[in-house]
Amino acid sequence: MAAPSSVDAADISPLGWRLLRVAAGYEQRTVEREVDDILQAHVSMLESGTRALSRSRRQELFELYAAELTAEQVEALATHF
């Protein structure tokens, strides 16, 4: 599924990132294996709010997670958390 156009990856909160990842069925180590040049530590820092990834990396993560979820799930998690 394509990521909903109404959600901007730049606006997702640290908690929203974590919830998207978990809802999509990914562990941090799994993300590390799925996305080139992303380390578990990068995911952890993004989810804790201590580090922001580049816009293109956040978009890549967002698309990875959104592919496993419905548009409604993505919208709810990204906008309400």
N, C-alpha and C. Protein backbone atom coordinates (compact mmCIF):
# COMPACT_ATOMS: atom_id res chain seq x y z
N MET A 1 0.84 -1.18 0.00
CA MET A 1 0.00 0.00 0.00
C MET A 1 0.87 1.24 0.00
N ALA A 2 0.48 2.26 -0.69
CA ALA A 2 1.20 3.52 -0.70
C ALA A 2 0.88 4.30 0.58
N ALA A 3 1.84 5.08 1.02
CA ALA A 3 1.63 5.89 2.20
C ALA A 3 0.55 6.94 1.93
N PRO A 4 -0.32 7.19 2.89
CA PRO A 4 -1.37 8.19 2.70
C PRO A 4 -0.76 9.56 2.41
N SER A 5 -1.27 10.24 1.42
CA SER A 5 -0.72 11.54 1.04
C SER A 5 -0.99 12.62 2.08
N SER A 6 -1.94 12.39 2.97
CA SER A 6 -2.26 13.39 3.98
C SER A 6 -1.29 13.37 5.16
N VAL A 7 -0.40 12.37 5.21
CA VAL A 7 0.55 12.26 6.32
C VAL A 7 1.93 12.65 5.82
N ASP A 8 2.55 13.59 6.54
CA ASP A 8 3.91 14.02 6.22
C ASP A 8 4.85 13.38 7.24
N ALA A 9 5.82 12.61 6.77
CA ALA A 9 6.75 11.92 7.65
C ALA A 9 7.50 12.90 8.57
N ALA A 10 7.64 14.14 8.15
CA ALA A 10 8.34 15.14 8.97
C ALA A 10 7.53 15.53 10.20
N ASP A 11 6.24 15.28 10.18
CA ASP A 11 5.37 15.69 11.28
C ASP A 11 5.08 14.59 12.29
N ILE A 12 5.63 13.40 12.10
CA ILE A 12 5.34 12.28 12.99
C ILE A 12 6.17 12.41 14.27
N SER A 13 5.51 12.24 15.40
CA SER A 13 6.18 12.34 16.70
C SER A 13 7.03 11.10 16.96
N PRO A 14 7.95 11.18 17.91
CA PRO A 14 8.72 9.99 18.28
C PRO A 14 7.83 8.81 18.66
N LEU A 15 6.77 9.06 19.44
CA LEU A 15 5.85 7.99 19.81
C LEU A 15 5.13 7.45 18.58
N GLY A 16 4.76 8.33 17.67
CA GLY A 16 4.12 7.90 16.43
C GLY A 16 5.01 6.98 15.62
N TRP A 17 6.30 7.29 15.54
CA TRP A 17 7.25 6.42 14.84
C TRP A 17 7.28 5.03 15.47
N ARG A 18 7.33 5.00 16.78
CA ARG A 18 7.40 3.71 17.47
C ARG A 18 6.13 2.89 17.22
N LEU A 19 4.99 3.55 17.34
CA LEU A 19 3.72 2.85 17.14
C LEU A 19 3.57 2.36 15.70
N LEU A 20 4.00 3.15 14.74
CA LEU A 20 3.95 2.70 13.34
C LEU A 20 4.80 1.46 13.14
N ARG A 21 6.02 1.48 13.70
CA ARG A 21 6.92 0.34 13.55
C ARG A 21 6.33 -0.91 14.17
N VAL A 22 5.83 -0.79 15.39
CA VAL A 22 5.27 -1.96 16.09
C VAL A 22 4.02 -2.46 15.38
N ALA A 23 3.15 -1.54 14.98
CA ALA A 23 1.92 -1.94 14.29
C ALA A 23 2.23 -2.64 12.96
N ALA A 24 3.31 -2.23 12.32
CA ALA A 24 3.70 -2.85 11.05
C ALA A 24 4.39 -4.19 11.25
N GLY A 25 4.68 -4.52 12.50
CA GLY A 25 5.27 -5.83 12.81
C GLY A 25 6.79 -5.88 12.73
N TYR A 26 7.43 -4.72 12.85
CA TYR A 26 8.89 -4.68 12.78
C TYR A 26 9.51 -4.48 14.16
N GLU A 27 10.58 -5.21 14.41
CA GLU A 27 11.45 -4.93 15.55
C GLU A 27 12.54 -4.01 15.04
N GLN A 28 13.21 -3.29 15.93
CA GLN A 28 14.25 -2.37 15.50
C GLN A 28 15.33 -3.07 14.69
N ARG A 29 15.72 -4.25 15.11
CA ARG A 29 16.77 -5.00 14.39
C ARG A 29 16.29 -5.42 13.00
N THR A 30 15.01 -5.68 12.86
CA THR A 30 14.46 -6.05 11.56
C THR A 30 14.53 -4.87 10.60
N VAL A 31 14.25 -3.69 11.11
CA VAL A 31 14.33 -2.48 10.28
C VAL A 31 15.76 -2.32 9.79
N GLU A 32 16.71 -2.58 10.64
CA GLU A 32 18.12 -2.48 10.29
C GLU A 32 18.45 -3.38 9.09
N ARG A 33 17.85 -4.55 9.05
CA ARG A 33 18.08 -5.47 7.94
C ARG A 33 17.30 -5.08 6.68
N GLU A 34 16.18 -4.42 6.84
CA GLU A 34 15.31 -4.07 5.70
C GLU A 34 15.76 -2.81 4.96
N VAL A 35 16.37 -1.87 5.68
CA VAL A 35 16.71 -0.57 5.09
C VAL A 35 18.23 -0.39 5.14
N ASP A 36 18.83 -0.23 3.97
CA ASP A 36 20.27 -0.03 3.89
C ASP A 36 20.71 1.21 4.67
N ASP A 37 21.80 1.08 5.38
CA ASP A 37 22.44 2.19 6.11
C ASP A 37 21.62 2.74 7.26
N ILE A 38 20.61 2.01 7.71
CA ILE A 38 19.88 2.38 8.92
C ILE A 38 20.29 1.38 9.99
N LEU A 39 20.70 1.88 11.11
CA LEU A 39 21.08 1.03 12.23
C LEU A 39 19.98 1.03 13.27
N GLN A 40 19.95 0.00 14.08
CA GLN A 40 18.98 -0.08 15.17
C GLN A 40 19.08 1.17 16.03
N ALA A 41 20.29 1.67 16.24
CA ALA A 41 20.47 2.88 17.06
C ALA A 41 19.78 4.09 16.43
N HIS A 42 19.78 4.19 15.11
CA HIS A 42 19.08 5.30 14.44
C HIS A 42 17.59 5.24 14.71
N VAL A 43 17.03 4.04 14.61
CA VAL A 43 15.60 3.85 14.87
C VAL A 43 15.29 4.20 16.32
N SER A 44 16.12 3.74 17.22
CA SER A 44 15.93 4.01 18.64
C SER A 44 15.97 5.51 18.94
N MET A 45 16.93 6.20 18.37
CA MET A 45 17.04 7.64 18.60
C MET A 45 15.88 8.41 17.97
N LEU A 46 15.42 7.98 16.80
CA LEU A 46 14.26 8.61 16.17
C LEU A 46 13.03 8.45 17.07
N GLU A 47 12.86 7.26 17.62
CA GLU A 47 11.69 6.98 18.45
C GLU A 47 11.78 7.62 19.83
N SER A 48 12.96 7.96 20.27
CA SER A 48 13.10 8.61 21.58
C SER A 48 13.15 10.13 21.45
N GLY A 49 13.26 10.61 20.22
CA GLY A 49 13.29 12.05 19.99
C GLY A 49 14.67 12.67 20.17
N THR A 50 15.70 11.85 20.31
CA THR A 50 17.05 12.38 20.52
C THR A 50 17.81 12.62 19.23
N ARG A 51 17.28 12.13 18.12
CA ARG A 51 17.94 12.35 16.83
C ARG A 51 16.91 12.26 15.72
N ALA A 52 17.04 13.16 14.76
CA ALA A 52 16.17 13.12 13.59
C ALA A 52 16.97 12.56 12.42
N LEU A 53 16.36 11.73 11.65
CA LEU A 53 16.97 11.24 10.42
C LEU A 53 16.70 12.24 9.30
N SER A 54 17.43 12.12 8.23
CA SER A 54 17.18 13.00 7.09
C SER A 54 15.76 12.77 6.58
N ARG A 55 15.27 13.75 5.88
CA ARG A 55 13.89 13.66 5.35
C ARG A 55 13.73 12.42 4.47
N SER A 56 14.72 12.14 3.63
CA SER A 56 14.61 10.99 2.73
C SER A 56 14.62 9.67 3.52
N ARG A 57 15.38 9.59 4.59
CA ARG A 57 15.42 8.38 5.41
C ARG A 57 14.11 8.19 6.16
N ARG A 58 13.56 9.29 6.70
CA ARG A 58 12.26 9.20 7.38
C ARG A 58 11.18 8.77 6.40
N GLN A 59 11.23 9.29 5.18
CA GLN A 59 10.25 8.90 4.18
C GLN A 59 10.39 7.42 3.84
N GLU A 60 11.62 6.94 3.74
CA GLU A 60 11.85 5.53 3.44
C GLU A 60 11.30 4.64 4.55
N LEU A 61 11.54 5.02 5.80
CA LEU A 61 10.98 4.26 6.93
C LEU A 61 9.46 4.31 6.92
N PHE A 62 8.92 5.48 6.67
CA PHE A 62 7.47 5.65 6.64
C PHE A 62 6.85 4.74 5.59
N GLU A 63 7.43 4.69 4.41
CA GLU A 63 6.90 3.84 3.34
C GLU A 63 7.03 2.36 3.69
N LEU A 64 8.12 1.98 4.36
CA LEU A 64 8.29 0.60 4.80
C LEU A 64 7.15 0.21 5.75
N TYR A 65 6.90 1.04 6.74
CA TYR A 65 5.85 0.75 7.72
C TYR A 65 4.47 0.80 7.08
N ALA A 66 4.22 1.82 6.26
CA ALA A 66 2.90 2.00 5.64
C ALA A 66 2.54 0.83 4.73
N ALA A 67 3.53 0.18 4.16
CA ALA A 67 3.27 -0.95 3.27
C ALA A 67 2.61 -2.11 4.00
N GLU A 68 2.74 -2.16 5.31
CA GLU A 68 2.19 -3.25 6.11
C GLU A 68 0.87 -2.89 6.78
N LEU A 69 0.43 -1.65 6.62
CA LEU A 69 -0.75 -1.15 7.33
C LEU A 69 -1.78 -0.60 6.35
N THR A 70 -3.00 -0.45 6.82
CA THR A 70 -4.02 0.21 6.01
C THR A 70 -3.82 1.72 6.10
N ALA A 71 -4.38 2.43 5.15
CA ALA A 71 -4.28 3.89 5.17
C ALA A 71 -4.88 4.47 6.45
N GLU A 72 -5.97 3.86 6.91
CA GLU A 72 -6.62 4.33 8.13
C GLU A 72 -5.73 4.14 9.35
N GLN A 73 -5.04 3.01 9.41
CA GLN A 73 -4.13 2.76 10.54
C GLN A 73 -3.00 3.78 10.54
N VAL A 74 -2.41 4.00 9.39
CA VAL A 74 -1.30 4.95 9.28
C VAL A 74 -1.76 6.34 9.69
N GLU A 75 -2.89 6.75 9.16
CA GLU A 75 -3.44 8.07 9.46
C GLU A 75 -3.67 8.23 10.96
N ALA A 76 -4.28 7.25 11.57
CA ALA A 76 -4.58 7.32 13.01
C ALA A 76 -3.31 7.39 13.85
N LEU A 77 -2.36 6.53 13.57
CA LEU A 77 -1.14 6.50 14.37
C LEU A 77 -0.28 7.75 14.15
N ALA A 78 -0.21 8.21 12.92
CA ALA A 78 0.64 9.37 12.62
C ALA A 78 0.04 10.67 13.10
N THR A 79 -1.25 10.77 13.14
CA THR A 79 -1.86 12.07 13.51
C THR A 79 -2.31 12.15 14.96
N HIS A 80 -2.57 11.04 15.60
CA HIS A 80 -3.09 11.10 16.96
C HIS A 80 -2.07 10.79 18.05
N PHE A 81 -0.86 10.40 17.65
CA PHE A 81 0.16 10.08 18.65
C PHE A 81 1.44 10.81 18.37
